[in-house]
Amino acid sequence: MESRKTILFYFSAAAAVFLLFCLWYFTSAENMETYNTERKAVIHMAEEAEVSRLININTADAEELEELPHIGEKTAERIIAYREENGGFLSPEEIMNVKGVGESTYNDIKDNIITE
């Protein structure tokens, strides 16, 4: 009976050490940074894959504009309002004049938009 208690004690101690190691390893800053970097890369690839066609920002409706990365309902409405107020976009870069579309967003969508 005593040997079973000893075995159980050592098994429990080993399991506790293993759990503490896992907790330390999976929450260390370096590993979390690697995980977050990989996660961001996967998200970026998924966003790029979402838009597989060119979208004409002078003719697209709100639903089509929302297919672009980082373009939500409000921003799509602003793009359409800007287009109507200014007679359309002369170049894709002009979309940065719309509130909510900065340089970062433009860089993410520039390969998927046209003005022709």
Protein backbone atom coordinates (compact mmCIF):
# COMPACT_ATOMS: atom_id res chain seq x y z
CA MET A 1 0.00 0.00 0.00
CA GLU A 2 2.86 2.32 0.85
CA SER A 3 4.45 1.83 -2.61
CA ARG A 4 1.18 2.85 -4.31
CA LYS A 5 1.14 6.07 -2.28
CA THR A 6 4.74 6.74 -3.24
CA ILE A 7 4.05 6.11 -6.93
CA LEU A 8 0.95 8.32 -6.78
CA PHE A 9 2.95 11.06 -5.05
CA TYR A 10 5.71 11.02 -7.69
CA PHE A 11 3.20 10.86 -10.52
CA SER A 12 1.30 13.85 -9.09
CA ALA A 13 4.54 15.79 -8.61
CA ALA A 14 5.63 15.06 -12.20
CA ALA A 15 2.22 16.12 -13.52
CA ALA A 16 2.40 19.37 -11.53
CA VAL A 17 5.89 20.13 -12.86
CA PHE A 18 4.73 19.39 -16.40
CA LEU A 19 1.71 21.69 -16.01
CA LEU A 20 3.87 24.50 -14.61
CA PHE A 21 6.30 24.11 -17.52
CA CYS A 22 3.42 24.28 -20.03
CA LEU A 23 2.01 27.35 -18.32
CA TRP A 24 5.39 29.06 -18.39
CA TYR A 25 6.18 28.06 -21.99
CA PHE A 26 2.85 29.02 -23.53
CA THR A 27 2.62 32.36 -21.74
CA SER A 28 6.19 33.55 -22.16
CA ALA A 29 6.44 36.84 -24.03
CA GLU A 30 8.68 35.47 -26.78
CA ASN A 31 6.33 32.60 -27.59
CA MET A 32 3.27 34.86 -27.46
CA GLU A 33 5.00 37.30 -29.83
CA THR A 34 5.73 34.47 -32.26
CA TYR A 35 2.14 33.28 -31.99
CA ASN A 36 0.75 36.79 -32.57
CA THR A 37 3.04 37.37 -35.55
CA GLU A 38 1.96 34.10 -37.14
CA ARG A 39 -1.70 34.86 -36.36
CA LYS A 40 -1.45 38.31 -37.99
CA ALA A 41 0.15 36.77 -41.08
CA VAL A 42 -2.67 34.25 -41.40
CA ILE A 43 -5.29 36.98 -40.97
CA HIS A 44 -3.57 39.14 -43.59
CA MET A 45 -3.45 36.24 -46.05
CA ALA A 46 -7.13 35.56 -45.44
CA GLU A 47 -8.02 39.21 -46.04
CA GLU A 48 -6.05 39.25 -49.27
CA ALA A 49 -7.78 36.08 -50.44
CA GLU A 50 -11.21 37.59 -49.76
CA VAL A 51 -10.93 40.03 -52.67
CA SER A 52 -10.21 38.10 -55.81
CA ARG A 53 -11.41 40.69 -58.30
CA LEU A 54 -10.92 44.35 -59.02
CA ILE A 55 -13.55 46.69 -57.65
CA ASN A 56 -14.31 49.91 -59.49
CA ILE A 57 -14.71 52.49 -56.73
CA ASN A 58 -16.60 54.77 -59.14
CA THR A 59 -19.39 52.26 -59.77
CA ALA A 60 -19.37 49.81 -56.84
CA ASP A 61 -22.29 49.72 -54.47
CA ALA A 62 -21.82 49.57 -50.68
CA GLU A 63 -21.91 45.78 -50.59
CA GLU A 64 -19.10 45.49 -53.14
CA LEU A 65 -17.00 48.11 -51.34
CA GLU A 66 -17.39 46.21 -48.07
CA GLU A 67 -15.61 43.24 -49.68
CA LEU A 68 -12.40 45.27 -49.45
CA PRO A 69 -10.23 44.81 -46.34
CA HIS A 70 -10.94 47.35 -43.58
CA ILE A 71 -13.95 48.84 -45.40
CA GLY A 72 -17.08 48.55 -43.31
CA GLU A 73 -20.60 49.82 -43.79
CA LYS A 74 -19.92 53.42 -42.68
CA THR A 75 -16.77 53.78 -44.75
CA ALA A 76 -18.51 52.34 -47.81
CA GLU A 77 -21.26 54.94 -47.37
CA ARG A 78 -18.64 57.70 -47.11
CA ILE A 79 -16.92 56.46 -50.29
CA ILE A 80 -20.21 56.60 -52.19
CA ALA A 81 -21.05 60.06 -50.76
CA TYR A 82 -17.59 61.38 -51.72
CA ARG A 83 -17.97 59.93 -55.20
CA GLU A 84 -21.37 61.57 -55.67
CA GLU A 85 -20.26 64.94 -54.29
CA ASN A 86 -17.05 65.09 -56.35
CA GLY A 87 -18.09 63.44 -59.60
CA GLY A 88 -16.12 60.25 -59.01
CA PHE A 89 -12.55 59.35 -58.27
CA LEU A 90 -9.90 60.36 -60.81
CA SER A 91 -7.34 57.93 -59.38
CA PRO A 92 -7.34 55.14 -56.80
CA GLU A 93 -5.17 57.26 -54.47
CA GLU A 94 -7.98 59.80 -54.18
CA ILE A 95 -9.88 57.36 -51.96
CA MET A 96 -7.58 58.52 -49.14
CA ASN A 97 -9.62 61.77 -49.12
CA VAL A 98 -12.50 59.78 -47.64
CA LYS A 99 -12.71 59.83 -43.83
CA GLY A 100 -11.73 56.40 -42.54
CA VAL A 101 -9.43 55.54 -45.44
CA GLY A 102 -5.88 56.42 -44.53
CA GLU A 103 -2.57 55.41 -46.00
CA SER A 104 -2.55 52.05 -44.21
CA THR A 105 -6.01 51.09 -45.47
CA TYR A 106 -5.14 52.35 -48.94
CA ASN A 107 -2.01 50.17 -49.00
CA ASP A 108 -4.16 47.15 -48.12
CA ILE A 109 -6.74 47.81 -50.87
CA LYS A 110 -4.80 49.51 -53.65
CA ASP A 111 -4.23 46.29 -55.59
CA ASN A 112 -7.95 45.57 -55.59
CA ILE A 113 -9.41 48.91 -56.69
CA ILE A 114 -9.68 50.73 -60.01
CA THR A 115 -11.31 53.96 -61.17
CA GLU A 116 -11.92 53.17 -64.85
